[in-house]
């Protein structure tokens, strides 16, 4: 009986928050329906570039792909120039579109063996130039544990929120005059 009451409450909640006739529509279905698993989308502030993670059916591969809008038409998806060899996820574009942060298990040395997930970024001079080679953000952001979900906020101070160790510990860093400070 208790479960029936819970189900009735859930149905009531859904029906009051989603009136008849309102429904969600897929975003760019002609593009995203091509892939088995799309997650982690980053849209440029002017809305003409989109970066997103594409994962294989069994989740053994993940790349960052991009599309661009020219003359109101979206391009075909392409693997981003810095992605395709390692497990790359969670792209995040800076507001000016000149830096793209992401999480990856790529090696931070010349060993070519994968490791834990770190925050990486690429940069470019302008929106028409090529992305740089990947740059590891380094300490104190990256550690010997996994780092995920890079985000930057530019209101008064830039804030980088890093989820550490499979979401067990949250650390917030402030970028003040070019120096990272942990709070």
N, C-alpha and C. Protein backbone atom coordinates (compact mmCIF):
# COMPACT_ATOMS: atom_id res chain seq x y z
N UNK A 1 0.82 -1.20 0.00
CA UNK A 1 0.00 0.00 0.00
C UNK A 1 0.86 1.26 0.00
N UNK A 2 1.97 1.19 0.75
CA UNK A 2 2.86 2.35 0.83
C UNK A 2 3.42 2.70 -0.54
N UNK A 3 3.79 1.67 -1.34
CA UNK A 3 4.34 1.90 -2.67
C UNK A 3 3.31 2.52 -3.61
N UNK A 4 2.07 2.11 -3.46
CA UNK A 4 1.01 2.68 -4.29
C UNK A 4 0.86 4.17 -3.99
N UNK A 5 0.95 4.55 -2.72
CA UNK A 5 0.87 5.97 -2.35
C UNK A 5 2.02 6.76 -2.95
N UNK A 6 3.22 6.20 -2.90
CA UNK A 6 4.39 6.88 -3.46
C UNK A 6 4.23 7.05 -4.96
N UNK A 7 3.75 6.01 -5.64
CA UNK A 7 3.54 6.09 -7.08
C UNK A 7 2.49 7.15 -7.40
N UNK A 8 1.42 7.21 -6.62
CA UNK A 8 0.37 8.21 -6.84
C UNK A 8 0.93 9.62 -6.67
N UNK A 9 1.78 9.83 -5.69
CA UNK A 9 2.39 11.15 -5.48
C UNK A 9 3.28 11.52 -6.66
N UNK A 10 4.07 10.57 -7.14
CA UNK A 10 4.95 10.83 -8.28
C UNK A 10 4.14 11.17 -9.52
N UNK A 11 3.08 10.40 -9.79
CA UNK A 11 2.24 10.67 -10.96
C UNK A 11 1.58 12.03 -10.84
N UNK A 12 1.12 12.36 -9.65
CA UNK A 12 0.50 13.67 -9.41
C UNK A 12 1.51 14.79 -9.66
N UNK A 13 2.73 14.63 -9.18
CA UNK A 13 3.77 15.63 -9.38
C UNK A 13 4.08 15.82 -10.86
N UNK A 14 4.23 14.71 -11.57
CA UNK A 14 4.55 14.78 -12.99
C UNK A 14 3.42 15.45 -13.76
N UNK A 15 2.19 15.10 -13.45
CA UNK A 15 1.07 15.66 -14.21
C UNK A 15 0.86 17.14 -13.93
N UNK A 16 1.21 17.62 -12.73
CA UNK A 16 1.05 19.05 -12.45
C UNK A 16 2.20 19.87 -13.00
N UNK A 17 3.37 19.26 -13.18
CA UNK A 17 4.52 20.01 -13.67
C UNK A 17 4.71 19.90 -15.18
N UNK A 18 4.04 18.99 -15.82
CA UNK A 18 4.13 18.83 -17.26
C UNK A 18 2.72 18.77 -17.84
N UNK A 19 2.07 19.92 -18.00
CA UNK A 19 0.71 19.93 -18.53
C UNK A 19 0.65 19.32 -19.92
N UNK A 20 -0.55 18.85 -20.28
CA UNK A 20 -0.75 18.26 -21.60
C UNK A 20 -0.32 19.23 -22.68
N UNK A 21 0.25 18.68 -23.74
CA UNK A 21 0.67 19.52 -24.86
C UNK A 21 2.10 20.02 -24.74
N UNK A 22 2.66 20.02 -23.57
CA UNK A 22 4.06 20.43 -23.40
C UNK A 22 4.94 19.19 -23.44
N UNK A 23 5.96 19.24 -24.24
CA UNK A 23 6.89 18.12 -24.28
C UNK A 23 8.27 18.64 -24.63
N UNK A 24 9.25 17.89 -24.25
CA UNK A 24 10.62 18.24 -24.60
C UNK A 24 10.91 17.72 -26.00
N UNK A 25 11.70 18.49 -26.73
CA UNK A 25 12.09 18.08 -28.06
C UNK A 25 13.59 17.88 -28.09
N UNK A 26 14.05 16.87 -28.82
CA UNK A 26 15.49 16.63 -28.90
C UNK A 26 16.21 17.83 -29.51
N UNK A 27 17.42 18.07 -29.01
CA UNK A 27 18.26 19.15 -29.51
C UNK A 27 19.08 18.63 -30.68
N UNK A 28 18.97 19.25 -31.83
CA UNK A 28 19.68 18.86 -33.05
C UNK A 28 19.67 17.35 -33.28
N UNK A 29 18.48 16.74 -33.37
CA UNK A 29 18.42 15.27 -33.50
C UNK A 29 19.12 14.75 -34.74
N UNK A 30 19.18 15.53 -35.82
CA UNK A 30 19.85 15.08 -37.04
C UNK A 30 21.34 14.87 -36.82
N UNK A 31 21.90 15.50 -35.80
CA UNK A 31 23.33 15.35 -35.48
C UNK A 31 23.54 14.33 -34.37
N UNK A 32 22.87 14.55 -33.23
CA UNK A 32 23.15 13.73 -32.06
C UNK A 32 22.61 12.31 -32.14
N UNK A 33 21.61 12.06 -32.98
CA UNK A 33 21.07 10.70 -33.10
C UNK A 33 22.02 9.77 -33.87
N UNK A 34 23.08 10.30 -34.45
CA UNK A 34 24.07 9.49 -35.17
C UNK A 34 24.94 8.65 -34.22
N UNK A 35 24.96 9.04 -32.94
CA UNK A 35 25.92 8.45 -32.00
C UNK A 35 25.22 7.61 -30.95
N UNK A 36 25.90 6.56 -30.45
CA UNK A 36 25.28 5.70 -29.45
C UNK A 36 25.09 6.38 -28.08
N UNK A 37 26.01 7.25 -27.71
CA UNK A 37 25.93 7.88 -26.40
C UNK A 37 26.58 9.26 -26.46
N UNK A 38 25.79 10.30 -26.33
CA UNK A 38 26.29 11.67 -26.33
C UNK A 38 26.05 12.25 -24.95
N UNK A 39 27.06 12.88 -24.39
CA UNK A 39 26.93 13.52 -23.09
C UNK A 39 27.85 14.74 -23.05
N UNK A 40 27.75 15.54 -22.01
CA UNK A 40 28.68 16.64 -21.78
C UNK A 40 28.77 17.61 -22.95
N UNK A 41 27.83 18.48 -23.06
CA UNK A 41 27.79 19.42 -24.18
C UNK A 41 28.26 20.80 -23.73
N UNK A 42 29.06 21.45 -24.57
CA UNK A 42 29.53 22.82 -24.32
C UNK A 42 29.19 23.65 -25.54
N UNK A 43 28.44 24.73 -25.33
CA UNK A 43 28.02 25.61 -26.42
C UNK A 43 28.72 26.95 -26.26
N UNK A 44 29.30 27.45 -27.35
CA UNK A 44 29.98 28.75 -27.29
C UNK A 44 28.99 29.85 -26.94
N UNK A 45 29.49 30.94 -26.37
CA UNK A 45 28.61 32.02 -25.91
C UNK A 45 27.84 32.66 -27.07
N UNK A 46 28.39 32.63 -28.28
CA UNK A 46 27.65 33.18 -29.41
C UNK A 46 26.81 32.12 -30.12
N UNK A 47 26.86 30.87 -29.63
CA UNK A 47 26.00 29.81 -30.13
C UNK A 47 26.37 29.21 -31.46
N UNK A 48 27.60 29.45 -31.95
CA UNK A 48 27.95 28.92 -33.26
C UNK A 48 28.95 27.77 -33.23
N UNK A 49 29.32 27.31 -32.04
CA UNK A 49 30.19 26.14 -31.89
C UNK A 49 29.64 25.27 -30.77
N UNK A 50 29.68 23.95 -30.99
CA UNK A 50 29.27 23.02 -29.95
C UNK A 50 30.32 21.92 -29.86
N UNK A 51 30.76 21.63 -28.65
CA UNK A 51 31.67 20.52 -28.37
C UNK A 51 30.92 19.55 -27.46
N UNK A 52 31.09 18.25 -27.71
CA UNK A 52 30.36 17.27 -26.92
C UNK A 52 31.13 15.96 -26.86
N UNK A 53 30.90 15.19 -25.80
CA UNK A 53 31.53 13.88 -25.64
C UNK A 53 30.69 12.84 -26.37
N UNK A 54 31.36 11.96 -27.09
CA UNK A 54 30.72 10.83 -27.76
C UNK A 54 31.37 9.57 -27.22
N UNK A 55 30.55 8.65 -26.73
CA UNK A 55 31.07 7.40 -26.18
C UNK A 55 30.54 6.21 -26.97
N UNK A 56 31.35 5.17 -27.00
CA UNK A 56 30.96 3.94 -27.70
C UNK A 56 29.88 3.20 -26.91
N UNK A 57 29.27 2.20 -27.53
CA UNK A 57 28.19 1.45 -26.88
C UNK A 57 28.62 0.86 -25.54
N UNK A 58 29.82 0.34 -25.47
CA UNK A 58 30.27 -0.30 -24.24
C UNK A 58 31.14 0.62 -23.39
N UNK A 59 31.18 1.89 -23.74
CA UNK A 59 31.85 2.92 -22.93
C UNK A 59 33.37 2.74 -22.86
N UNK A 60 33.96 2.03 -23.82
CA UNK A 60 35.41 1.84 -23.79
C UNK A 60 36.15 2.96 -24.50
N UNK A 61 35.43 3.76 -25.30
CA UNK A 61 36.02 4.87 -26.03
C UNK A 61 35.19 6.12 -25.79
N UNK A 62 35.84 7.24 -25.62
CA UNK A 62 35.14 8.53 -25.53
C UNK A 62 36.00 9.60 -26.18
N UNK A 63 35.39 10.33 -27.08
CA UNK A 63 36.09 11.42 -27.78
C UNK A 63 35.29 12.71 -27.62
N UNK A 64 35.94 13.81 -27.89
CA UNK A 64 35.23 15.09 -27.94
C UNK A 64 35.08 15.45 -29.41
N UNK A 65 33.84 15.67 -29.81
CA UNK A 65 33.53 16.05 -31.19
C UNK A 65 33.06 17.50 -31.22
N UNK A 66 33.07 18.09 -32.39
CA UNK A 66 32.61 19.48 -32.51
C UNK A 66 31.81 19.67 -33.78
N UNK A 67 30.90 20.64 -33.70
CA UNK A 67 30.16 21.09 -34.87
C UNK A 67 30.18 22.61 -34.86
N UNK A 68 30.05 23.20 -36.05
CA UNK A 68 30.05 24.66 -36.18
C UNK A 68 28.88 25.09 -37.06
N UNK A 69 28.33 26.23 -36.73
CA UNK A 69 27.22 26.76 -37.52
C UNK A 69 27.74 27.87 -38.43
N UNK A 70 27.49 27.71 -39.72
CA UNK A 70 27.84 28.72 -40.71
C UNK A 70 26.62 28.97 -41.59
N UNK A 71 26.25 30.22 -41.72
CA UNK A 71 25.06 30.59 -42.49
C UNK A 71 23.82 29.82 -42.02
N UNK A 72 23.66 29.71 -40.71
CA UNK A 72 22.50 29.05 -40.07
C UNK A 72 22.42 27.55 -40.32
N UNK A 73 23.52 26.92 -40.78
CA UNK A 73 23.54 25.49 -41.03
C UNK A 73 24.67 24.87 -40.21
N UNK A 74 24.34 23.77 -39.50
CA UNK A 74 25.35 23.09 -38.68
C UNK A 74 26.20 22.18 -39.55
N UNK A 75 27.51 22.16 -39.29
CA UNK A 75 28.44 21.29 -40.02
C UNK A 75 28.25 19.85 -39.57
N UNK A 76 28.86 18.93 -40.28
CA UNK A 76 28.90 17.54 -39.84
C UNK A 76 29.85 17.45 -38.65
N UNK A 77 29.58 16.56 -37.72
CA UNK A 77 30.47 16.42 -36.56
C UNK A 77 31.87 15.95 -36.97
N UNK A 78 32.87 16.48 -36.29
CA UNK A 78 34.26 16.08 -36.49
C UNK A 78 34.89 15.82 -35.13
N UNK A 79 35.84 14.92 -35.09
CA UNK A 79 36.60 14.71 -33.85
C UNK A 79 37.48 15.93 -33.66
N UNK A 80 37.43 16.52 -32.46
CA UNK A 80 38.25 17.70 -32.17
C UNK A 80 39.72 17.34 -32.37
N UNK A 81 40.51 18.29 -32.84
CA UNK A 81 41.91 18.05 -33.20
C UNK A 81 42.74 17.49 -32.06
N UNK A 82 42.38 17.78 -30.83
CA UNK A 82 43.14 17.35 -29.65
C UNK A 82 42.64 16.03 -29.07
N UNK A 83 41.57 15.49 -29.61
CA UNK A 83 40.92 14.30 -29.04
C UNK A 83 41.05 13.11 -29.98
N UNK A 84 40.62 11.94 -29.50
CA UNK A 84 40.56 10.76 -30.35
C UNK A 84 41.47 9.62 -29.96
N UNK A 85 42.47 9.89 -29.13
CA UNK A 85 43.39 8.82 -28.75
C UNK A 85 43.14 8.31 -27.33
N UNK A 86 42.71 9.20 -26.44
CA UNK A 86 42.48 8.84 -25.04
C UNK A 86 41.01 9.06 -24.68
N UNK A 87 40.65 8.73 -23.48
CA UNK A 87 39.26 8.85 -23.01
C UNK A 87 39.04 10.30 -22.58
N UNK A 88 38.44 11.10 -23.46
CA UNK A 88 38.22 12.53 -23.23
C UNK A 88 36.73 12.78 -23.00
N UNK A 89 36.41 13.51 -21.93
CA UNK A 89 35.01 13.80 -21.58
C UNK A 89 34.87 15.21 -21.03
N UNK A 90 33.64 15.65 -20.92
CA UNK A 90 33.26 16.86 -20.20
C UNK A 90 33.90 18.15 -20.70
N UNK A 91 33.72 18.47 -21.98
CA UNK A 91 34.28 19.72 -22.49
C UNK A 91 33.60 20.93 -21.85
N UNK A 92 34.36 21.98 -21.63
CA UNK A 92 33.83 23.24 -21.11
C UNK A 92 34.56 24.39 -21.78
N UNK A 93 33.83 25.24 -22.49
CA UNK A 93 34.42 26.38 -23.19
C UNK A 93 34.46 27.60 -22.29
N UNK A 94 35.57 28.33 -22.32
CA UNK A 94 35.63 29.60 -21.61
C UNK A 94 34.67 30.57 -22.30
N UNK A 95 34.20 31.60 -21.59
CA UNK A 95 33.24 32.53 -22.19
C UNK A 95 33.70 33.18 -23.49
N UNK A 96 35.01 33.43 -23.63
CA UNK A 96 35.50 34.03 -24.88
C UNK A 96 35.75 32.99 -25.97
N UNK A 97 35.58 31.69 -25.65
CA UNK A 97 35.75 30.63 -26.64
C UNK A 97 37.19 30.32 -27.01
N UNK A 98 38.14 30.86 -26.24
CA UNK A 98 39.56 30.68 -26.59
C UNK A 98 40.26 29.60 -25.77
N UNK A 99 39.58 29.05 -24.76
CA UNK A 99 40.10 27.91 -24.00
C UNK A 99 39.00 26.88 -23.86
N UNK A 100 39.37 25.63 -23.99
CA UNK A 100 38.43 24.54 -23.79
C UNK A 100 39.03 23.60 -22.76
N UNK A 101 38.36 23.44 -21.63
CA UNK A 101 38.79 22.56 -20.56
C UNK A 101 38.05 21.23 -20.70
N UNK A 102 38.68 20.15 -20.27
CA UNK A 102 38.03 18.84 -20.31
C UNK A 102 38.76 17.89 -19.37
N UNK A 103 38.15 16.75 -19.11
CA UNK A 103 38.75 15.73 -18.28
C UNK A 103 39.22 14.60 -19.18
N UNK A 104 40.41 14.04 -18.87
CA UNK A 104 40.97 13.00 -19.72
C UNK A 104 41.89 12.09 -18.91
N UNK A 105 42.00 10.85 -19.37
CA UNK A 105 42.94 9.92 -18.75
C UNK A 105 44.25 9.85 -19.53
N UNK A 106 44.51 10.84 -20.38
CA UNK A 106 45.74 10.85 -21.17
C UNK A 106 46.95 10.93 -20.26
N UNK A 107 48.09 10.38 -20.67
CA UNK A 107 49.29 10.45 -19.83
C UNK A 107 49.82 11.89 -19.75
N UNK A 108 50.34 12.24 -18.59
CA UNK A 108 50.90 13.58 -18.44
C UNK A 108 52.41 13.58 -18.67
N UNK A 109 52.94 12.43 -19.04
CA UNK A 109 54.37 12.34 -19.35
C UNK A 109 54.53 11.62 -20.69
N UNK A 110 55.71 11.26 -21.03
CA UNK A 110 55.97 10.64 -22.33
C UNK A 110 55.79 9.12 -22.32
N UNK A 111 55.26 8.54 -21.24
CA UNK A 111 55.14 7.09 -21.13
C UNK A 111 54.05 6.50 -22.04
N UNK A 112 53.10 7.32 -22.46
CA UNK A 112 51.97 6.88 -23.29
C UNK A 112 51.04 5.89 -22.60
N UNK A 113 51.19 5.68 -21.29
CA UNK A 113 50.24 4.82 -20.59
C UNK A 113 49.20 5.70 -19.88
N UNK A 114 47.94 5.26 -19.98
CA UNK A 114 46.86 6.05 -19.39
C UNK A 114 46.95 6.00 -17.87
N UNK A 115 46.30 6.98 -17.24
CA UNK A 115 46.37 7.10 -15.78
C UNK A 115 45.00 7.52 -15.27
N UNK A 116 44.95 8.15 -14.12
CA UNK A 116 43.69 8.67 -13.61
C UNK A 116 43.24 9.86 -14.45
N UNK A 117 42.04 10.34 -14.20
CA UNK A 117 41.52 11.49 -14.95
C UNK A 117 42.03 12.79 -14.35
N UNK A 118 42.54 13.66 -15.21
CA UNK A 118 42.99 15.00 -14.84
C UNK A 118 42.22 16.02 -15.67
N UNK A 119 42.29 17.28 -15.23
CA UNK A 119 41.73 18.37 -16.00
C UNK A 119 42.81 18.86 -16.97
N UNK A 120 42.45 18.97 -18.23
CA UNK A 120 43.32 19.43 -19.30
C UNK A 120 42.66 20.61 -19.98
N UNK A 121 43.43 21.34 -20.77
CA UNK A 121 42.83 22.38 -21.60
C UNK A 121 43.64 22.57 -22.87
N UNK A 122 42.97 23.14 -23.85
CA UNK A 122 43.60 23.58 -25.09
C UNK A 122 43.24 25.05 -25.25
N UNK A 123 44.05 25.77 -26.01
CA UNK A 123 43.78 27.20 -26.21
C UNK A 123 44.05 27.57 -27.66
N UNK A 124 43.51 28.72 -28.04
CA UNK A 124 43.73 29.21 -29.40
C UNK A 124 43.74 30.73 -29.37
N UNK A 125 44.31 31.34 -30.38
CA UNK A 125 44.42 32.80 -30.42
C UNK A 125 43.10 33.46 -30.76
N UNK A 126 42.34 32.86 -31.66
CA UNK A 126 41.02 33.37 -32.02
C UNK A 126 40.17 32.20 -32.47
N UNK A 127 38.89 32.44 -32.72
CA UNK A 127 37.98 31.33 -33.04
C UNK A 127 38.26 30.68 -34.38
N UNK A 128 39.08 31.29 -35.22
CA UNK A 128 39.42 30.69 -36.51
C UNK A 128 40.76 29.97 -36.50
N UNK A 129 41.49 30.04 -35.38
CA UNK A 129 42.79 29.38 -35.32
C UNK A 129 42.66 27.98 -34.73
N UNK A 130 43.71 27.18 -34.90
CA UNK A 130 43.74 25.80 -34.42
C UNK A 130 43.92 25.76 -32.91
N UNK A 131 43.43 24.68 -32.30
CA UNK A 131 43.65 24.47 -30.87
C UNK A 131 45.11 24.07 -30.63
N UNK A 132 45.64 24.44 -29.49
CA UNK A 132 47.00 24.05 -29.09
C UNK A 132 47.03 22.55 -28.78
N UNK A 133 48.20 22.05 -28.50
CA UNK A 133 48.32 20.69 -27.96
C UNK A 133 47.74 20.73 -26.55
N UNK A 134 47.22 19.59 -26.04
CA UNK A 134 46.63 19.56 -24.69
C UNK A 134 47.65 19.95 -23.61
N UNK A 135 47.16 20.72 -22.63
CA UNK A 135 47.98 21.19 -21.52
C UNK A 135 47.34 20.70 -20.22
N UNK A 136 48.11 20.01 -19.41
CA UNK A 136 47.62 19.55 -18.10
C UNK A 136 47.57 20.74 -17.16
N UNK A 137 46.44 20.95 -16.48
CA UNK A 137 46.28 22.08 -15.58
C UNK A 137 47.28 22.01 -14.43
N UNK A 138 47.65 20.81 -14.01
CA UNK A 138 48.65 20.63 -12.95
C UNK A 138 48.10 20.85 -11.56
N UNK A 139 49.03 20.86 -10.59
CA UNK A 139 48.64 21.08 -9.19
C UNK A 139 48.36 22.56 -8.95
N UNK A 140 47.54 22.92 -8.04
CA UNK A 140 46.86 22.08 -7.07
C UNK A 140 45.55 21.50 -7.56
N UNK A 141 45.16 21.77 -8.81
CA UNK A 141 43.89 21.24 -9.31
C UNK A 141 43.97 19.73 -9.50
N UNK A 142 44.96 19.25 -10.23
CA UNK A 142 45.10 17.81 -10.46
C UNK A 142 45.89 17.16 -9.34
N UNK A 143 45.57 15.91 -9.10
CA UNK A 143 46.22 15.16 -8.02
C UNK A 143 46.42 13.72 -8.49
N UNK A 144 46.69 12.82 -7.56
CA UNK A 144 46.82 11.41 -7.92
C UNK A 144 45.46 10.71 -7.94
N UNK A 145 44.38 11.47 -7.76
CA UNK A 145 43.02 10.94 -7.85
C UNK A 145 42.37 11.49 -9.12
N UNK A 146 41.14 11.09 -9.36
CA UNK A 146 40.41 11.55 -10.54
C UNK A 146 39.85 12.96 -10.34
N UNK A 147 39.98 13.79 -11.36
CA UNK A 147 39.35 15.12 -11.38
C UNK A 147 38.38 15.16 -12.54
N UNK A 148 37.19 15.69 -12.27
CA UNK A 148 36.13 15.77 -13.27
C UNK A 148 35.45 17.13 -13.24
N UNK A 149 34.57 17.35 -14.22
CA UNK A 149 33.65 18.48 -14.32
C UNK A 149 34.32 19.85 -14.25
N UNK A 150 35.21 20.17 -15.17
CA UNK A 150 35.83 21.50 -15.15
C UNK A 150 34.80 22.57 -15.49
N UNK A 151 34.81 23.64 -14.72
CA UNK A 151 33.93 24.78 -14.95
C UNK A 151 34.65 26.05 -14.57
N UNK A 152 34.42 27.08 -15.33
CA UNK A 152 34.97 28.40 -15.03
C UNK A 152 33.83 29.38 -14.96
N UNK A 153 33.87 30.27 -14.03
CA UNK A 153 32.86 31.32 -13.91
C UNK A 153 33.60 32.65 -13.85
N UNK A 154 33.17 33.60 -14.63
CA UNK A 154 33.83 34.90 -14.63
C UNK A 154 32.83 35.98 -14.26
N UNK A 155 32.48 36.06 -13.01
CA UNK A 155 31.60 37.12 -12.55
C UNK A 155 32.49 38.18 -11.91
N UNK A 156 32.97 37.93 -10.72
CA UNK A 156 33.93 38.82 -10.08
C UNK A 156 35.29 38.13 -10.06
N UNK A 157 35.29 36.86 -9.69
CA UNK A 157 36.51 36.06 -9.64
C UNK A 157 36.24 34.80 -10.45
N UNK A 158 37.25 34.26 -11.09
CA UNK A 158 37.08 32.97 -11.77
C UNK A 158 37.08 31.87 -10.73
N UNK A 159 36.16 30.95 -10.85
CA UNK A 159 36.08 29.83 -9.91
C UNK A 159 36.20 28.54 -10.69
N UNK A 160 36.99 27.63 -10.20
CA UNK A 160 37.09 26.32 -10.81
C UNK A 160 36.64 25.30 -9.79
N UNK A 161 35.57 24.60 -10.09
CA UNK A 161 35.06 23.57 -9.18
C UNK A 161 35.55 22.23 -9.69
N UNK A 162 36.19 21.51 -8.82
CA UNK A 162 36.74 20.23 -9.20
C UNK A 162 36.16 19.16 -8.28
N UNK A 163 35.61 18.13 -8.88
CA UNK A 163 35.10 17.01 -8.10
C UNK A 163 36.24 16.00 -7.99
N UNK A 164 36.61 15.66 -6.78
CA UNK A 164 37.76 14.78 -6.57
C UNK A 164 37.32 13.39 -6.12
N UNK A 165 38.08 12.41 -6.51
CA UNK A 165 37.92 11.05 -6.02
C UNK A 165 36.52 10.49 -6.15
N UNK A 166 36.02 10.37 -7.36
CA UNK A 166 34.70 9.78 -7.61
C UNK A 166 33.62 10.46 -6.78
N UNK A 167 33.60 11.77 -6.78
CA UNK A 167 32.58 12.60 -6.15
C UNK A 167 32.55 12.49 -4.63
N UNK A 168 33.64 12.08 -4.01
CA UNK A 168 33.67 11.95 -2.55
C UNK A 168 34.04 13.26 -1.87
N UNK A 169 34.83 14.06 -2.51
CA UNK A 169 35.33 15.28 -1.87
C UNK A 169 35.25 16.43 -2.87
N UNK A 170 34.73 17.56 -2.43
CA UNK A 170 34.65 18.72 -3.30
C UNK A 170 35.70 19.73 -2.86
N UNK A 171 36.40 20.26 -3.82
CA UNK A 171 37.36 21.32 -3.54
C UNK A 171 37.06 22.47 -4.47
N UNK A 172 37.05 23.66 -3.95
CA UNK A 172 36.82 24.84 -4.78
C UNK A 172 38.09 25.67 -4.78
N UNK A 173 38.53 26.07 -5.96
CA UNK A 173 39.70 26.90 -6.10
C UNK A 173 39.29 28.23 -6.70
N UNK A 174 39.85 29.30 -6.22
CA UNK A 174 39.64 30.63 -6.78
C UNK A 174 40.90 31.05 -7.51
N UNK A 175 40.74 31.62 -8.66
CA UNK A 175 41.87 32.15 -9.40
C UNK A 175 41.91 33.65 -9.14
N UNK A 176 42.86 34.07 -8.33
CA UNK A 176 42.99 35.46 -7.96
C UNK A 176 44.35 35.96 -8.44
N UNK A 177 44.35 36.90 -9.35
CA UNK A 177 45.59 37.47 -9.90
C UNK A 177 46.54 36.38 -10.38
N UNK A 178 45.99 35.35 -11.05
CA UNK A 178 46.81 34.32 -11.62
C UNK A 178 47.29 33.25 -10.65
N UNK A 179 46.90 33.30 -9.37
CA UNK A 179 47.35 32.32 -8.39
C UNK A 179 46.15 31.53 -7.87
N UNK A 180 46.23 30.19 -7.90
CA UNK A 180 45.15 29.35 -7.41
C UNK A 180 45.18 29.32 -5.88
N UNK A 181 44.03 29.52 -5.28
CA UNK A 181 43.91 29.43 -3.83
C UNK A 181 42.77 28.50 -3.48
N UNK A 182 43.00 27.54 -2.58
CA UNK A 182 42.00 26.59 -2.14
C UNK A 182 41.21 27.19 -0.98
N UNK A 183 39.88 27.01 -0.99
CA UNK A 183 39.11 27.46 0.17
C UNK A 183 38.52 26.27 0.89
